[in-house]
Protein backbone atom coordinates (compact mmCIF):
# COMPACT_ATOMS: atom_id res chain seq x y z
CA UNK A 1 0.45 4.26 -23.44
CA UNK A 2 -1.56 7.08 -21.93
CA UNK A 3 -1.33 6.79 -18.13
CA UNK A 4 -3.14 8.84 -15.50
CA UNK A 5 -2.26 8.74 -11.81
CA UNK A 6 -4.65 10.09 -9.19
CA UNK A 7 -2.80 10.98 -6.00
CA UNK A 8 0.45 12.93 -5.88
CA UNK A 9 1.90 11.60 -2.66
CA UNK A 10 5.33 9.97 -2.63
CA UNK A 11 4.24 6.70 -4.27
CA UNK A 12 2.00 8.24 -6.92
CA UNK A 13 4.72 10.71 -7.87
CA UNK A 14 7.38 7.99 -8.00
CA UNK A 15 5.21 5.88 -10.31
CA UNK A 16 4.60 8.91 -12.52
CA UNK A 17 8.36 9.52 -12.78
CA UNK A 18 8.96 5.85 -13.61
CA UNK A 19 6.29 5.71 -16.33
CA UNK A 20 7.46 9.01 -17.81
CA UNK A 21 11.00 7.63 -17.91
CA UNK A 22 9.69 4.67 -19.95
CA UNK A 23 8.30 7.08 -22.54
CA UNK A 24 4.59 6.86 -21.74
CA UNK A 25 2.26 9.84 -21.83
CA UNK A 26 1.75 10.51 -18.11
CA UNK A 27 -0.62 12.83 -16.25
CA UNK A 28 -0.33 13.17 -12.47
CA UNK A 29 -3.49 14.51 -10.81
CA UNK A 30 -3.05 15.77 -7.22
CA UNK A 31 -5.97 15.82 -4.81
CA UNK A 32 -5.70 19.55 -4.13
CA UNK A 33 -5.67 22.30 -6.77
CA UNK A 34 -3.01 24.29 -4.91
CA UNK A 35 -0.74 21.24 -4.90
CA UNK A 36 -1.23 20.83 -8.65
CA UNK A 37 -0.30 24.46 -9.25
CA UNK A 38 2.79 24.07 -7.06
CA UNK A 39 3.95 20.99 -8.98
CA UNK A 40 3.36 22.76 -12.29
CA UNK A 41 5.46 25.75 -11.30
CA UNK A 42 8.30 24.08 -9.37
CA UNK A 43 8.55 20.73 -11.25
CA UNK A 44 9.25 19.05 -7.92
CA UNK A 45 7.04 17.46 -5.27
CA UNK A 46 8.67 19.21 -2.33
CA UNK A 47 6.03 18.04 0.15
CA UNK A 48 6.14 14.30 -0.53
CA UNK A 49 9.09 13.40 -2.77
CA UNK A 50 11.72 16.15 -2.58
CA UNK A 51 14.87 15.97 -4.65
CA UNK A 52 13.32 14.44 -7.77
CA UNK A 53 12.70 16.78 -10.69
CA UNK A 54 9.52 16.25 -12.68
CA UNK A 55 10.37 16.32 -16.37
CA UNK A 56 8.56 18.78 -18.69
CA UNK A 57 6.92 15.82 -20.44
CA UNK A 58 5.17 14.75 -17.20
CA UNK A 59 1.84 16.55 -17.23
CA UNK A 60 0.08 17.82 -14.11
CA UNK A 61 -3.70 17.48 -14.27
CA UNK A 62 -6.07 19.89 -12.57
CA UNK A 63 -9.35 18.01 -13.06
CA UNK A 64 -10.38 14.39 -13.52
CA UNK A 65 -12.53 14.60 -16.65
CA UNK A 66 -9.95 16.13 -19.03
CA UNK A 67 -7.23 13.84 -17.68
CA UNK A 68 -9.34 10.76 -18.38
CA UNK A 69 -10.26 11.81 -21.90
CA UNK A 70 -7.69 9.56 -23.61
CA UNK A 71 -6.43 7.55 -20.62
CA UNK A 72 -5.72 3.85 -21.11
CA UNK A 73 -4.26 2.96 -17.70
CA UNK A 74 -5.52 4.67 -14.54
CA UNK A 75 -3.57 4.34 -11.29
CA UNK A 76 -5.15 5.22 -7.93
CA UNK A 77 -2.46 6.21 -5.44
CA UNK A 78 -4.31 7.69 -2.48
CA UNK A 79 -4.37 6.52 1.16
CA UNK A 80 -6.81 3.63 1.55
CA UNK A 81 -9.08 5.65 3.84
CA UNK A 82 -9.53 8.25 1.08
CA UNK A 83 -10.22 5.82 -1.78
CA UNK A 84 -14.02 5.81 -1.53
CA UNK A 85 -14.15 9.61 -1.55
CA UNK A 86 -11.82 9.77 -4.56
CA UNK A 87 -14.03 7.34 -6.46
CA UNK A 88 -17.12 9.43 -5.72
CA UNK A 89 -15.41 12.28 -7.56
CA UNK A 90 -13.91 10.43 -10.51
CA UNK A 91 -16.21 7.39 -10.76
CA UNK A 92 -18.66 8.91 -13.28
CA UNK A 93 -15.83 10.06 -15.57
CA UNK A 94 -14.16 6.65 -15.29
CA UNK A 95 -17.33 4.78 -16.20
CA UNK A 96 -17.95 7.03 -19.20
CA UNK A 97 -14.40 6.97 -20.55
CA UNK A 98 -14.22 5.04 -23.84
CA UNK A 99 -10.45 4.58 -23.63
CA UNK A 100 -9.73 3.30 -20.09
CA UNK A 101 -8.72 -0.36 -20.24
CA UNK A 102 -7.64 -1.01 -16.67
CA UNK A 103 -7.69 0.67 -13.24
CA UNK A 104 -4.72 -0.19 -11.04
CA UNK A 105 -4.80 0.27 -7.27
CA UNK A 106 -1.57 1.39 -5.62
CA UNK A 107 -3.33 1.49 -2.23
CA UNK A 108 -2.50 -0.66 0.80
CA UNK A 109 -5.21 -1.04 3.41
CA UNK A 110 -8.84 -1.99 4.01
CA UNK A 111 -11.97 0.11 4.15
CA UNK A 112 -12.40 0.87 7.85
CA UNK A 113 -16.17 0.34 7.78
CA UNK A 114 -16.78 -2.44 5.26
CA UNK A 115 -13.41 -4.29 5.45
CA UNK A 116 -13.32 -4.22 1.64
CA UNK A 117 -9.99 -4.44 -0.14
CA UNK A 118 -9.08 -1.55 -2.50
CA UNK A 119 -9.97 -3.46 -5.68
CA UNK A 120 -13.36 -4.35 -4.18
CA UNK A 121 -14.01 -0.69 -3.33
CA UNK A 122 -13.08 0.27 -6.90
CA UNK A 123 -15.22 -2.42 -8.53
CA UNK A 124 -18.25 -1.47 -6.46
CA UNK A 125 -17.79 2.15 -7.52
CA UNK A 126 -17.23 1.70 -11.27
CA UNK A 127 -18.73 -1.72 -12.06
CA UNK A 128 -17.08 -4.68 -13.73
CA UNK A 129 -16.80 -3.40 -17.30
CA UNK A 130 -13.24 -2.17 -16.68
CA UNK A 131 -10.54 -4.54 -15.43
CA UNK A 132 -9.40 -3.68 -11.89
CA UNK A 133 -5.93 -4.70 -10.71
CA UNK A 134 -3.47 -4.07 -7.88
CA UNK A 135 0.26 -3.38 -7.95
CA UNK A 136 1.99 -4.29 -4.70
CA UNK A 137 5.31 -5.24 -3.17
CA UNK A 138 8.43 -3.69 -1.61
CA UNK A 139 8.33 -0.20 -3.08
CA UNK A 140 10.23 2.62 -1.41
CA UNK A 141 9.12 5.62 -3.45
CA UNK A 142 12.51 7.34 -3.25
CA UNK A 143 14.22 4.27 -4.69
CA UNK A 144 11.69 3.86 -7.51
CA UNK A 145 12.02 7.54 -8.43
CA UNK A 146 15.81 7.23 -8.36
CA UNK A 147 15.71 4.28 -10.74
CA UNK A 148 16.97 1.68 -8.29
CA UNK A 149 15.96 -1.93 -9.10
CA UNK A 150 12.49 -2.84 -7.79
CA UNK A 151 10.22 -5.87 -8.27
CA UNK A 152 6.45 -5.84 -7.71
CA UNK A 153 3.39 -8.08 -8.14
CA UNK A 154 0.69 -7.08 -10.61
CA UNK A 155 -2.54 -8.93 -9.81
CA UNK A 156 -6.01 -9.11 -11.33
CA UNK A 157 -8.74 -11.74 -11.31
CA UNK A 158 -9.99 -13.20 -14.58
CA UNK A 159 -12.81 -11.09 -15.97
CA UNK A 160 -14.81 -11.79 -19.13
CA UNK A 161 -11.92 -13.90 -20.38
CA UNK A 162 -9.94 -10.74 -21.23
CA UNK A 163 -7.88 -10.23 -18.10
CA UNK A 164 -4.87 -12.55 -18.71
CA UNK A 165 -3.92 -11.05 -22.09
CA UNK A 166 -4.59 -7.49 -21.00
CA UNK A 167 -2.59 -8.04 -17.83
CA UNK A 168 0.38 -9.33 -19.81
CA UNK A 169 0.23 -6.32 -22.13
CA UNK A 170 0.07 -3.84 -19.25
CA UNK A 171 2.78 -5.80 -17.40
CA UNK A 172 5.11 -5.32 -20.37
CA UNK A 173 4.18 -1.64 -20.65
CA UNK A 174 4.97 -0.71 -17.04
CA UNK A 175 8.05 -2.90 -16.62
CA UNK A 176 11.53 -1.74 -17.57
CA UNK A 177 15.23 -1.90 -16.66
CA UNK A 178 14.57 -0.59 -13.14
CA UNK A 179 11.12 -2.01 -12.33
CA UNK A 180 10.18 -5.64 -12.95
CA UNK A 181 6.64 -6.92 -12.42
CA UNK A 182 5.29 -10.43 -11.92
CA UNK A 183 1.64 -11.27 -12.59
CA UNK A 184 -0.71 -13.07 -10.21
CA UNK A 185 -4.38 -13.98 -10.10
CA UNK A 186 -4.45 -13.92 -6.28
CA UNK A 187 -5.75 -10.39 -5.84
CA UNK A 188 -6.95 -11.07 -2.29
CA UNK A 189 -3.60 -12.46 -1.17
CA UNK A 190 -1.61 -9.64 -2.76
CA UNK A 191 -3.78 -6.91 -1.23
CA UNK A 192 -4.05 -8.53 2.20
CA UNK A 193 -0.28 -9.03 2.29
CA UNK A 194 0.25 -5.37 1.48
CA UNK A 195 -2.09 -4.41 4.31
CA UNK A 196 -0.77 -6.80 6.96
CA UNK A 197 2.89 -6.00 6.42
CA UNK A 198 2.27 -2.39 7.46
CA UNK A 199 0.89 -3.58 10.80
CA UNK A 200 3.83 -5.86 11.53
CA UNK A 201 6.28 -3.18 10.42
CA UNK A 202 4.98 -1.11 13.34
CA UNK A 203 5.89 -4.04 15.59
CA UNK A 204 9.35 -4.24 14.03
CA UNK A 205 9.80 -0.57 14.86
CA UNK A 206 8.84 -1.29 18.46
CA UNK A 207 11.60 -3.92 18.54
CA UNK A 208 14.06 -1.29 17.30
CA UNK A 209 12.86 1.42 19.68
CA UNK A 210 12.97 -0.88 22.69
CA UNK A 211 16.44 -2.07 21.62
CA UNK A 212 15.41 -5.70 21.98
CA UNK A 213 18.22 -6.93 19.72
CA UNK A 214 18.57 -8.97 16.54
CA UNK A 215 17.28 -12.21 18.08
CA UNK A 216 14.02 -10.59 19.12
CA UNK A 217 13.43 -8.84 15.81
CA UNK A 218 14.14 -12.02 13.85
CA UNK A 219 11.75 -13.98 16.07
CA UNK A 220 9.11 -11.28 15.79
CA UNK A 221 9.22 -11.13 11.99
CA UNK A 222 9.21 -14.92 11.64
CA UNK A 223 6.16 -15.32 13.86
CA UNK A 224 4.54 -12.28 12.23
CA UNK A 225 4.88 -13.97 8.84
CA UNK A 226 3.17 -17.09 10.20
CA UNK A 227 0.37 -14.89 11.50
CA UNK A 228 0.15 -13.08 8.15
CA UNK A 229 -0.34 -16.40 6.38
CA UNK A 230 -2.95 -17.58 8.90
CA UNK A 231 -4.92 -14.35 8.58
CA UNK A 232 -4.42 -14.06 4.84
CA UNK A 233 -5.56 -17.56 3.97
CA UNK A 234 -8.66 -17.22 6.15
CA UNK A 235 -9.46 -13.95 4.39
CA UNK A 236 -9.23 -15.53 0.95
CA UNK A 237 -5.58 -15.42 -0.10
CA UNK A 238 -3.27 -18.26 -1.15
CA UNK A 239 -0.54 -19.24 1.32
CA UNK A 240 2.20 -19.11 -1.34
CA UNK A 241 1.39 -15.47 -2.12
CA UNK A 242 2.55 -14.45 1.35
CA UNK A 243 5.95 -16.00 0.68
CA UNK A 244 6.38 -13.74 -2.34
CA UNK A 245 7.03 -10.07 -3.01
CA UNK A 246 3.71 -8.74 -1.70
CA UNK A 247 4.07 -10.72 1.53
CA UNK A 248 7.46 -11.48 3.02
CA UNK A 249 9.20 -9.24 0.47
CA UNK A 250 7.21 -6.15 1.41
CA UNK A 251 7.41 -7.07 5.10
CA UNK A 252 11.22 -7.26 5.04
CA UNK A 253 11.61 -3.93 3.26
CA UNK A 254 9.13 -2.08 5.46
CA UNK A 255 10.32 -3.65 8.71
CA UNK A 256 13.98 -2.77 8.10
CA UNK A 257 13.85 0.43 6.03
CA UNK A 258 14.77 3.64 7.83
CA UNK A 259 12.36 5.37 5.41
CA UNK A 260 9.33 3.35 6.54
CA UNK A 261 6.68 5.48 8.24
CA UNK A 262 5.15 2.35 9.79
CA UNK A 263 8.43 1.13 11.26
CA UNK A 264 9.16 4.69 12.38
CA UNK A 265 5.82 4.90 14.20
CA UNK A 266 6.67 1.80 16.21
CA UNK A 267 10.15 3.04 17.02
CA UNK A 268 8.81 6.37 18.29
CA UNK A 269 6.02 4.66 20.26
CA UNK A 270 8.63 2.65 22.13
CA UNK A 271 10.13 5.90 23.39
CA UNK A 272 7.00 8.00 23.99
CA UNK A 273 3.78 6.30 22.94
CA UNK A 274 1.36 8.96 24.19
CA UNK A 275 3.09 11.84 22.40
CA UNK A 276 3.66 9.85 19.20
CA UNK A 277 0.09 8.61 18.90
CA UNK A 278 -1.35 12.06 19.58
CA UNK A 279 0.56 13.33 16.53
CA UNK A 280 -0.58 10.62 14.09
CA UNK A 281 -3.74 12.39 12.95
CA UNK A 282 -1.81 15.63 12.40
CA UNK A 283 0.67 14.15 9.92
CA UNK A 284 0.50 15.14 6.26
CA UNK A 285 1.30 11.60 5.15
CA UNK A 286 -0.97 8.74 6.22
CA UNK A 287 0.51 5.91 8.28
CA UNK A 288 -1.41 2.95 6.90
CA UNK A 289 -0.26 0.47 9.56
CA UNK A 290 -1.82 2.52 12.35
CA UNK A 291 -5.32 2.48 10.84
CA UNK A 292 -4.99 -1.09 9.52
CA UNK A 293 -4.19 -2.41 13.01
CA UNK A 294 -7.58 -1.36 14.34
CA UNK A 295 -9.48 -2.45 11.22
CA UNK A 296 -7.79 -5.86 11.02
CA UNK A 297 -8.28 -6.50 14.73
CA UNK A 298 -12.04 -6.03 14.38
CA UNK A 299 -12.07 -8.21 11.27
CA UNK A 300 -10.01 -10.98 12.90
CA UNK A 301 -12.19 -10.96 16.00
CA UNK A 302 -15.35 -11.11 13.87
CA UNK A 303 -13.98 -14.15 12.07
CA UNK A 304 -12.48 -15.67 15.25
CA UNK A 305 -8.93 -15.79 13.86
CA UNK A 306 -6.14 -16.31 16.38
CA UNK A 307 -3.74 -13.38 15.91
CA UNK A 308 -1.90 -12.64 19.19
CA UNK A 309 0.69 -10.30 17.68
CA UNK A 310 -1.96 -8.23 15.90
CA UNK A 311 -4.07 -8.06 19.07
CA UNK A 312 -1.06 -7.00 21.14
CA UNK A 313 -0.19 -4.21 18.69
CA UNK A 314 -3.79 -3.01 18.78
CA UNK A 315 -3.65 -2.76 22.57
CA UNK A 316 -0.41 -0.77 22.40
CA UNK A 317 -1.68 1.65 19.74
CA UNK A 318 -5.29 2.06 20.88
CA UNK A 319 -5.63 0.92 24.49
CA UNK A 320 -2.54 2.36 26.14
CA UNK A 321 -0.71 -0.93 26.78
CA UNK A 322 2.93 -0.31 27.66
CA UNK A 323 5.11 -1.72 24.83
CA UNK A 324 7.37 -3.64 27.23
CA UNK A 325 4.34 -5.18 28.90
CA UNK A 326 3.19 -6.24 25.45
CA UNK A 327 6.52 -7.98 24.82
CA UNK A 328 6.24 -9.81 28.13
CA UNK A 329 2.67 -10.88 27.35
CA UNK A 330 3.73 -12.38 24.02
CA UNK A 331 6.80 -14.10 25.47
CA UNK A 332 4.85 -15.71 28.31
CA UNK A 333 1.96 -17.11 26.26
CA UNK A 334 1.25 -20.84 26.59
CA UNK A 335 4.06 -22.89 25.05
CA UNK A 336 3.33 -24.77 21.81
CA UNK A 337 4.95 -26.37 18.76
CA UNK A 338 6.29 -24.05 16.07
CA UNK A 339 3.93 -25.22 13.33
């Protein structure tokens, strides 16, 4: 199949390498022209995914319109806060393309102003004539690019009666010996899980940085999962989705992986919060959990959802609460049953 990926960060590049390895026609379109020229000349994404050679068959696109000419599957792999701007640029070409069958979001996050999930942002930009899906789950880009076994959830809602069969066809096309996908119709649950896990991975990093021990981290992640389910169900997801790959699976990988930018943010905040947080906006790579914490806190408060861990993390990241004081506040809350 002809696949186009917009966004040449670590995850977009890893997906391009994977699809190219499966024998698809793949075009990777970076956001910046200078980045595209660099990838074309060096055949390596030194900024975001160093150490993985881009094969000669993997094409680097310079503009959206030519890349979309014969595209069948379009992947959007930008930070969630940049999705709306990307769609303003490529939306007209997407809508006019006669060949595009499905647009797949690889984003994890919510729109900071509207609280919309990535697939909602996409649908509002391009209409409902093209199927919009999300691909989510525990996905370390380095491991995917290296061909290490990975399993993800591929979700789309039923649309014009065509979605189930199309989803199965695309599922088969993007799966292979090193990447297995499972389908789901719970788009909300899959996307919300992918957003929430980044927030709680920051908290897991705080546990590591404060050297609280295995007991504390296990307790934190268990209660965080309960909070994920409570938030996720209220926001439209199914409880069982959060016990799958896009929920607890992604949470475990991100909360324990040394590669995780979200976990790393928490770990560094435990040691020097002021310095770490002042550097967030200067980073080349977006830390989704940082932005999602503020967005989800406002959303939870608007909907009156009880989320003490989320609220505590928001105070640490945005209100200057000392991390150890946050731990004490959570540990000394009113006692209750576990359920």
